[in-house]
Amino acid sequence: MQTKHLFLLLFLLAFAPIVCFAQEEKPKLQYSIGGGATIDGNNLLWGLNMSNELNYRLGKRTSLNAGLSFYQSLGNLENRAVNGLAENIDQSSGIFITPTLRYDILQRDSGFKLSFGAGPSLQLGGEAFRATNIFNTADPMPMTFVNKYQRIGLLLELEAEWKTKNPNVRNALALSAFGADYYFPWFINATYKVRFNVGKK
């Protein structure tokens, strides 16, 4: 009798996940393209970003996201010229390759979704800036620093998504932060996205 109960228990445990997954929506593939503004908090620069994403829904609330984005600084948030004759060469840029796991915190019947994503991000890029001579502060000529990066950091993202008149197109607005080398957030991004359904429900 105990053997029958054991087999029944094993049978239920084996088929319970299949029943649970059968009740969820099937995964759907989506592609997003976007652009927005970025602040380099370490160098006090501002610039623009462009993003491409491929999203694969795992379940009702979770999805995997593969992102490729580019950032280029365009100007300073403050005037940091060390003297009036010095040319301002402060700049930063980078290509970011970012896989994230995303979870829908909020889902409304209207189609509005609020999601949180996190994952590692590989930055390929660098920065250049001028500063006063730290070895001889009396020297009026500034020093130029150039750093190239091939580093892995952390990306956190909060995204709001809503429907459009086209059922295969959605809009989204995301706020994300990237940190590396014990500095967080290094970059802060505000990105508007247009998302297209490219897979079956």
C-alpha atoms as a PDB file:
ATOM      1  CA  MET A   1       0.000   0.000   0.000  1.00  0.00           C
ATOM      2  CA  GLN A   2       2.798   2.371   0.866  1.00  0.00           C
ATOM      3  CA  THR A   3       4.478   1.611  -2.483  1.00  0.00           C
ATOM      4  CA  LYS A   4       1.320   2.669  -4.366  1.00  0.00           C
ATOM      5  CA  HIS A   5       1.177   5.924  -2.420  1.00  0.00           C
ATOM      6  CA  LEU A   6       4.849   6.551  -3.180  1.00  0.00           C
ATOM      7  CA  PHE A   7       4.313   6.005  -6.926  1.00  0.00           C
ATOM      8  CA  LEU A   8       1.263   8.291  -6.860  1.00  0.00           C
ATOM      9  CA  LEU A   9       3.231  11.000  -5.079  1.00  0.00           C
ATOM     10  CA  LEU A  10       6.121  10.722  -7.572  1.00  0.00           C
ATOM     11  CA  PHE A  11       3.635  10.834 -10.476  1.00  0.00           C
ATOM     12  CA  LEU A  12       2.047  14.049  -9.148  1.00  0.00           C
ATOM     13  CA  LEU A  13       5.435  15.666  -8.523  1.00  0.00           C
ATOM     14  CA  ALA A  14       6.600  14.794 -12.026  1.00  0.00           C
ATOM     15  CA  PHE A  15       3.541  16.169 -13.826  1.00  0.00           C
ATOM     16  CA  ALA A  16       2.783  19.202 -11.633  1.00  0.00           C
ATOM     17  CA  PRO A  17       5.290  21.463 -13.450  1.00  0.00           C
ATOM     18  CA  ILE A  18       3.816  20.460 -16.831  1.00  0.00           C
ATOM     19  CA  VAL A  19       0.329  21.412 -15.665  1.00  0.00           C
ATOM     20  CA  CYS A  20       1.559  24.732 -14.241  1.00  0.00           C
ATOM     21  CA  PHE A  21       3.416  25.699 -17.430  1.00  0.00           C
ATOM     22  CA  ALA A  22       0.422  24.700 -19.557  1.00  0.00           C
ATOM     23  CA  GLN A  23      -1.660  27.345 -17.776  1.00  0.00           C
ATOM     24  CA  GLU A  24       0.795  30.156 -18.566  1.00  0.00           C
ATOM     25  CA  GLU A  25       1.051  32.040 -21.820  1.00  0.00           C
ATOM     26  CA  LYS A  26       3.581  30.712 -24.278  1.00  0.00           C
ATOM     27  CA  PRO A  27       6.829  32.701 -24.646  1.00  0.00           C
ATOM     28  CA  LYS A  28       6.761  35.596 -27.083  1.00  0.00           C
ATOM     29  CA  LEU A  29       9.635  37.301 -28.856  1.00  0.00           C
ATOM     30  CA  GLN A  30       9.797  41.109 -29.044  1.00  0.00           C
ATOM     31  CA  TYR A  31      12.262  43.574 -30.553  1.00  0.00           C
ATOM     32  CA  SER A  32      12.769  47.118 -29.258  1.00  0.00           C
ATOM     33  CA  ILE A  33      14.573  50.144 -30.629  1.00  0.00           C
ATOM     34  CA  GLY A  34      15.018  53.328 -28.653  1.00  0.00           C
ATOM     35  CA  GLY A  35      16.942  56.454 -27.845  1.00  0.00           C
ATOM     36  CA  GLY A  36      17.317  58.985 -25.087  1.00  0.00           C
ATOM     37  CA  ALA A  37      19.588  60.971 -22.791  1.00  0.00           C
ATOM     38  CA  THR A  38      22.481  59.783 -20.620  1.00  0.00           C
ATOM     39  CA  ILE A  39      24.401  61.403 -17.766  1.00  0.00           C
ATOM     40  CA  ASP A  40      27.984  60.346 -17.027  1.00  0.00           C
ATOM     41  CA  GLY A  41      27.968  61.002 -13.294  1.00  0.00           C
ATOM     42  CA  ASN A  42      31.677  60.379 -12.823  1.00  0.00           C
ATOM     43  CA  ASN A  43      32.804  62.964 -15.398  1.00  0.00           C
ATOM     44  CA  LEU A  44      29.727  65.238 -15.158  1.00  0.00           C
ATOM     45  CA  LEU A  45      28.937  64.870 -18.860  1.00  0.00           C
ATOM     46  CA  TRP A  46      25.668  64.525 -20.734  1.00  0.00           C
ATOM     47  CA  GLY A  47      24.995  62.780 -24.018  1.00  0.00           C
ATOM     48  CA  LEU A  48      22.691  60.581 -26.078  1.00  0.00           C
ATOM     49  CA  ASN A  49      22.109  56.840 -26.140  1.00  0.00           C
ATOM     50  CA  MET A  50      20.672  54.446 -28.728  1.00  0.00           C
ATOM     51  CA  SER A  51      19.428  50.984 -27.802  1.00  0.00           C
ATOM     52  CA  ASN A  52      18.422  47.694 -29.421  1.00  0.00           C
ATOM     53  CA  GLU A  53      16.829  44.882 -27.444  1.00  0.00           C
ATOM     54  CA  LEU A  54      15.522  41.385 -28.004  1.00  0.00           C
ATOM     55  CA  ASN A  55      13.104  40.164 -25.348  1.00  0.00           C
ATOM     56  CA  TYR A  56      12.012  36.559 -24.775  1.00  0.00           C
ATOM     57  CA  ARG A  57       9.144  36.032 -22.342  1.00  0.00           C
ATOM     58  CA  LEU A  58       9.641  33.038 -20.058  1.00  0.00           C
ATOM     59  CA  GLY A  59       6.334  33.159 -18.218  1.00  0.00           C
ATOM     60  CA  LYS A  60       3.502  35.451 -17.254  1.00  0.00           C
ATOM     61  CA  ARG A  61       5.761  37.921 -15.424  1.00  0.00           C
ATOM     62  CA  THR A  62       9.369  36.992 -16.230  1.00  0.00           C
ATOM     63  CA  SER A  63      11.446  37.469 -19.376  1.00  0.00           C
ATOM     64  CA  LEU A  64      15.022  37.416 -20.640  1.00  0.00           C
ATOM     65  CA  ASN A  65      16.336  40.506 -22.391  1.00  0.00           C
ATOM     66  CA  ALA A  66      19.451  40.862 -24.593  1.00  0.00           C
ATOM     67  CA  GLY A  67      20.438  44.500 -25.083  1.00  0.00           C
ATOM     68  CA  LEU A  68      22.976  46.339 -27.215  1.00  0.00           C
ATOM     69  CA  SER A  69      23.292  50.094 -26.679  1.00  0.00           C
ATOM     70  CA  PHE A  70      25.629  52.937 -27.616  1.00  0.00           C
ATOM     71  CA  TYR A  71      26.355  56.149 -25.706  1.00  0.00           C
ATOM     72  CA  GLN A  72      28.292  59.266 -26.709  1.00  0.00           C
ATOM     73  CA  SER A  73      28.764  62.364 -24.590  1.00  0.00           C
ATOM     74  CA  LEU A  74      27.981  65.746 -26.134  1.00  0.00           C
ATOM     75  CA  GLY A  75      28.799  68.293 -23.441  1.00  0.00           C
ATOM     76  CA  ASN A  76      29.549  69.183 -19.825  1.00  0.00           C
ATOM     77  CA  LEU A  77      27.073  69.602 -17.017  1.00  0.00           C
ATOM     78  CA  GLU A  78      29.293  72.381 -15.662  1.00  0.00           C
ATOM     79  CA  ASN A  79      32.167  74.513 -16.937  1.00  0.00           C
ATOM     80  CA  ARG A  80      35.344  72.813 -15.744  1.00  0.00           C
ATOM     81  CA  ALA A  81      37.952  74.588 -17.881  1.00  0.00           C
ATOM     82  CA  VAL A  82      41.225  74.801 -15.964  1.00  0.00           C
ATOM     83  CA  ASN A  83      42.152  77.984 -17.807  1.00  0.00           C
ATOM     84  CA  GLY A  84      40.626  80.169 -20.487  1.00  0.00           C
ATOM     85  CA  LEU A  85      42.961  78.940 -23.235  1.00  0.00           C
ATOM     86  CA  ALA A  86      42.520  75.230 -22.612  1.00  0.00           C
ATOM     87  CA  GLU A  87      40.464  73.360 -25.160  1.00  0.00           C
ATOM     88  CA  ASN A  88      37.677  71.336 -23.580  1.00  0.00           C
ATOM     89  CA  ILE A  89      38.221  67.715 -24.624  1.00  0.00           C
ATOM     90  CA  ASP A  90      36.188  66.060 -21.868  1.00  0.00           C
ATOM     91  CA  GLN A  91      34.248  63.184 -23.413  1.00  0.00           C
ATOM     92  CA  SER A  92      33.114  59.628 -22.768  1.00  0.00           C
ATOM     93  CA  SER A  93      31.524  56.900 -24.870  1.00  0.00           C
ATOM     94  CA  GLY A  94      30.757  53.219 -24.850  1.00  0.00           C
ATOM     95  CA  ILE A  95      29.042  50.219 -26.352  1.00  0.00           C
ATOM     96  CA  PHE A  96      27.137  48.218 -23.738  1.00  0.00           C
ATOM     97  CA  ILE A  97      26.228  44.536 -24.154  1.00  0.00           C
ATOM     98  CA  THR A  98      23.685  43.642 -21.501  1.00  0.00           C
ATOM     99  CA  PRO A  99      21.717  40.451 -20.764  1.00  0.00           C
ATOM    100  CA  THR A 100      19.057  41.058 -18.092  1.00  0.00           C
ATOM    101  CA  LEU A 101      16.377  39.118 -16.281  1.00  0.00           C
ATOM    102  CA  ARG A 102      13.181  41.162 -16.129  1.00  0.00           C
ATOM    103  CA  TYR A 103      10.204  40.793 -13.798  1.00  0.00           C
ATOM    104  CA  ASP A 104       6.836  42.545 -14.178  1.00  0.00           C
ATOM    105  CA  ILE A 105       6.092  44.210 -10.849  1.00  0.00           C
ATOM    106  CA  LEU A 106       2.749  45.567 -12.035  1.00  0.00           C
ATOM    107  CA  GLN A 107       0.365  44.364 -14.748  1.00  0.00           C
ATOM    108  CA  ARG A 108      -2.909  46.139 -15.532  1.00  0.00           C
ATOM    109  CA  ASP A 109      -5.832  45.028 -17.681  1.00  0.00           C
ATOM    110  CA  SER A 110      -5.311  48.189 -19.745  1.00  0.00           C
ATOM    111  CA  GLY A 111      -1.974  46.758 -20.920  1.00  0.00           C
ATOM    112  CA  PHE A 112       0.208  48.955 -18.707  1.00  0.00           C
ATOM    113  CA  LYS A 113       3.204  47.112 -17.239  1.00  0.00           C
ATOM    114  CA  LEU A 114       5.898  48.181 -14.801  1.00  0.00           C
ATOM    115  CA  SER A 115       8.951  45.939 -14.797  1.00  0.00           C
ATOM    116  CA  PHE A 116      12.322  45.729 -13.079  1.00  0.00           C
ATOM    117  CA  GLY A 117      15.402  44.267 -14.746  1.00  0.00           C
ATOM    118  CA  ALA A 118      18.939  43.526 -13.619  1.00  0.00           C
ATOM    119  CA  GLY A 119      22.007  41.912 -15.125  1.00  0.00           C
ATOM    120  CA  PRO A 120      25.710  42.196 -15.968  1.00  0.00           C
ATOM    121  CA  SER A 121      26.776  44.712 -18.598  1.00  0.00           C
ATOM    122  CA  LEU A 122      29.980  44.716 -20.651  1.00  0.00           C
ATOM    123  CA  GLN A 123      31.219  48.217 -21.540  1.00  0.00           C
ATOM    124  CA  LEU A 124      33.599  48.687 -24.457  1.00  0.00           C
ATOM    125  CA  GLY A 125      34.606  52.339 -24.561  1.00  0.00           C
ATOM    126  CA  GLY A 126      36.520  55.007 -22.748  1.00  0.00           C
ATOM    127  CA  GLU A 127      36.890  58.580 -21.575  1.00  0.00           C
ATOM    128  CA  ALA A 128      39.220  61.547 -21.902  1.00  0.00           C
ATOM    129  CA  PHE A 129      39.369  64.616 -19.661  1.00  0.00           C
ATOM    130  CA  ARG A 130      41.673  67.430 -18.607  1.00  0.00           C
ATOM    131  CA  ALA A 131      42.469  68.453 -15.042  1.00  0.00           C
ATOM    132  CA  THR A 132      44.964  70.586 -13.200  1.00  0.00           C
ATOM    133  CA  ASN A 133      48.460  69.156 -12.771  1.00  0.00           C
ATOM    134  CA  ILE A 134      48.156  67.083  -9.622  1.00  0.00           C
ATOM    135  CA  PHE A 135      51.949  66.785  -9.332  1.00  0.00           C
ATOM    136  CA  ASN A 136      52.585  70.535  -9.631  1.00  0.00           C
ATOM    137  CA  THR A 137      49.557  72.653  -8.768  1.00  0.00           C
ATOM    138  CA  ALA A 138      51.450  75.831  -9.670  1.00  0.00           C
ATOM    139  CA  ASP A 139      51.748  74.665 -13.282  1.00  0.00           C
ATOM    140  CA  PRO A 140      49.027  76.409 -15.338  1.00  0.00           C
ATOM    141  CA  MET A 141      49.102  73.727 -18.058  1.00  0.00           C
ATOM    142  CA  PRO A 142      46.495  71.017 -17.510  1.00  0.00           C
ATOM    143  CA  MET A 143      47.091  67.288 -17.679  1.00  0.00           C
ATOM    144  CA  THR A 144      45.144  65.048 -20.078  1.00  0.00           C
ATOM    145  CA  PHE A 145      43.866  61.703 -18.847  1.00  0.00           C
ATOM    146  CA  VAL A 146      42.684  58.949 -21.211  1.00  0.00           C
ATOM    147  CA  ASN A 147      41.082  55.739 -19.959  1.00  0.00           C
ATOM    148  CA  LYS A 148      39.937  52.839 -22.122  1.00  0.00           C
ATOM    149  CA  TYR A 149      37.439  50.367 -20.718  1.00  0.00           C
ATOM    150  CA  GLN A 150      36.695  46.718 -21.312  1.00  0.00           C
ATOM    151  CA  ARG A 151      34.872  46.069 -18.083  1.00  0.00           C
ATOM    152  CA  ILE A 152      31.851  44.314 -16.684  1.00  0.00           C
ATOM    153  CA  GLY A 153      29.480  46.264 -14.493  1.00  0.00           C
ATOM    154  CA  LEU A 154      25.918  46.041 -13.214  1.00  0.00           C
ATOM    155  CA  LEU A 155      22.830  47.441 -14.950  1.00  0.00           C
ATOM    156  CA  LEU A 156      19.542  48.048 -13.120  1.00  0.00           C
ATOM    157  CA  GLU A 157      16.453  49.149 -15.047  1.00  0.00           C
ATOM    158  CA  LEU A 158      12.897  50.234 -14.242  1.00  0.00           C
ATOM    159  CA  GLU A 159      10.601  50.266 -17.279  1.00  0.00           C
ATOM    160  CA  ALA A 160       7.004  51.336 -17.901  1.00  0.00           C
ATOM    161  CA  GLU A 161       5.289  49.875 -20.971  1.00  0.00           C
ATOM    162  CA  TRP A 162       1.881  50.652 -22.480  1.00  0.00           C
ATOM    163  CA  LYS A 163      -0.271  49.758 -25.488  1.00  0.00           C
ATOM    164  CA  THR A 164      -0.653  51.659 -28.749  1.00  0.00           C
ATOM    165  CA  LYS A 165      -3.435  51.571 -31.336  1.00  0.00           C
ATOM    166  CA  ASN A 166      -1.479  48.862 -33.164  1.00  0.00           C
ATOM    167  CA  PRO A 167      -1.736  45.596 -31.161  1.00  0.00           C
ATOM    168  CA  ASN A 168       1.725  44.520 -32.389  1.00  0.00           C
ATOM    169  CA  VAL A 169       3.467  47.736 -31.270  1.00  0.00           C
ATOM    170  CA  ARG A 170       4.014  48.989 -27.728  1.00  0.00           C
ATOM    171  CA  ASN A 171       5.703  52.048 -26.217  1.00  0.00           C
ATOM    172  CA  ALA A 172       8.013  52.042 -23.226  1.00  0.00           C
ATOM    173  CA  LEU A 173       9.991  54.462 -21.095  1.00  0.00           C
ATOM    174  CA  ALA A 174      12.959  53.146 -19.115  1.00  0.00           C
ATOM    175  CA  LEU A 175      15.219  54.563 -16.423  1.00  0.00           C
ATOM    176  CA  SER A 176      18.441  52.606 -16.008  1.00  0.00           C
ATOM    177  CA  ALA A 177      21.708  52.908 -14.108  1.00  0.00           C
ATOM    178  CA  PHE A 178      25.109  51.345 -14.842  1.00  0.00           C
ATOM    179  CA  GLY A 179      27.857  50.979 -12.270  1.00  0.00           C
ATOM    180  CA  ALA A 180      31.386  49.572 -12.360  1.00  0.00           C
ATOM    181  CA  ASP A 181      34.707  49.798 -10.524  1.00  0.00           C
ATOM    182  CA  TYR A 182      32.956  50.300  -7.156  1.00  0.00           C
ATOM    183  CA  TYR A 183      31.145  53.410  -8.476  1.00  0.00           C
ATOM    184  CA  PHE A 184      27.349  53.372  -8.806  1.00  0.00           C
ATOM    185  CA  PRO A 185      25.678  54.855 -10.709  1.00  0.00           C
ATOM    186  CA  TRP A 186      28.334  55.741 -13.264  1.00  0.00           C
ATOM    187  CA  PHE A 187      25.825  56.260 -16.089  1.00  0.00           C
ATOM    188  CA  ILE A 188      22.122  57.140 -15.734  1.00  0.00           C
ATOM    189  CA  ASN A 189      19.921  56.639 -18.818  1.00  0.00           C
ATOM    190  CA  ALA A 190      16.416  57.776 -19.710  1.00  0.00           C
ATOM    191  CA  THR A 191      15.333  55.907 -22.858  1.00  0.00           C
ATOM    192  CA  TYR A 192      12.142  55.949 -24.915  1.00  0.00           C
ATOM    193  CA  LYS A 193      11.508  52.638 -26.725  1.00  0.00           C
ATOM    194  CA  VAL A 194       9.227  51.324 -29.451  1.00  0.00           C
ATOM    195  CA  ARG A 195       8.607  47.583 -29.104  1.00  0.00           C
ATOM    196  CA  PHE A 196       7.440  45.241 -31.864  1.00  0.00           C
ATOM    197  CA  ASN A 197       6.003  41.737 -31.537  1.00  0.00           C
ATOM    198  CA  VAL A 198       8.009  39.360 -33.715  1.00  0.00           C
ATOM    199  CA  GLY A 199       6.856  36.049 -32.264  1.00  0.00           C
ATOM    200  CA  LYS A 200       3.657  34.146 -31.701  1.00  0.00           C
ATOM    201  CA  LYS A 201       1.741  34.300 -28.434  1.00  0.00           C
END
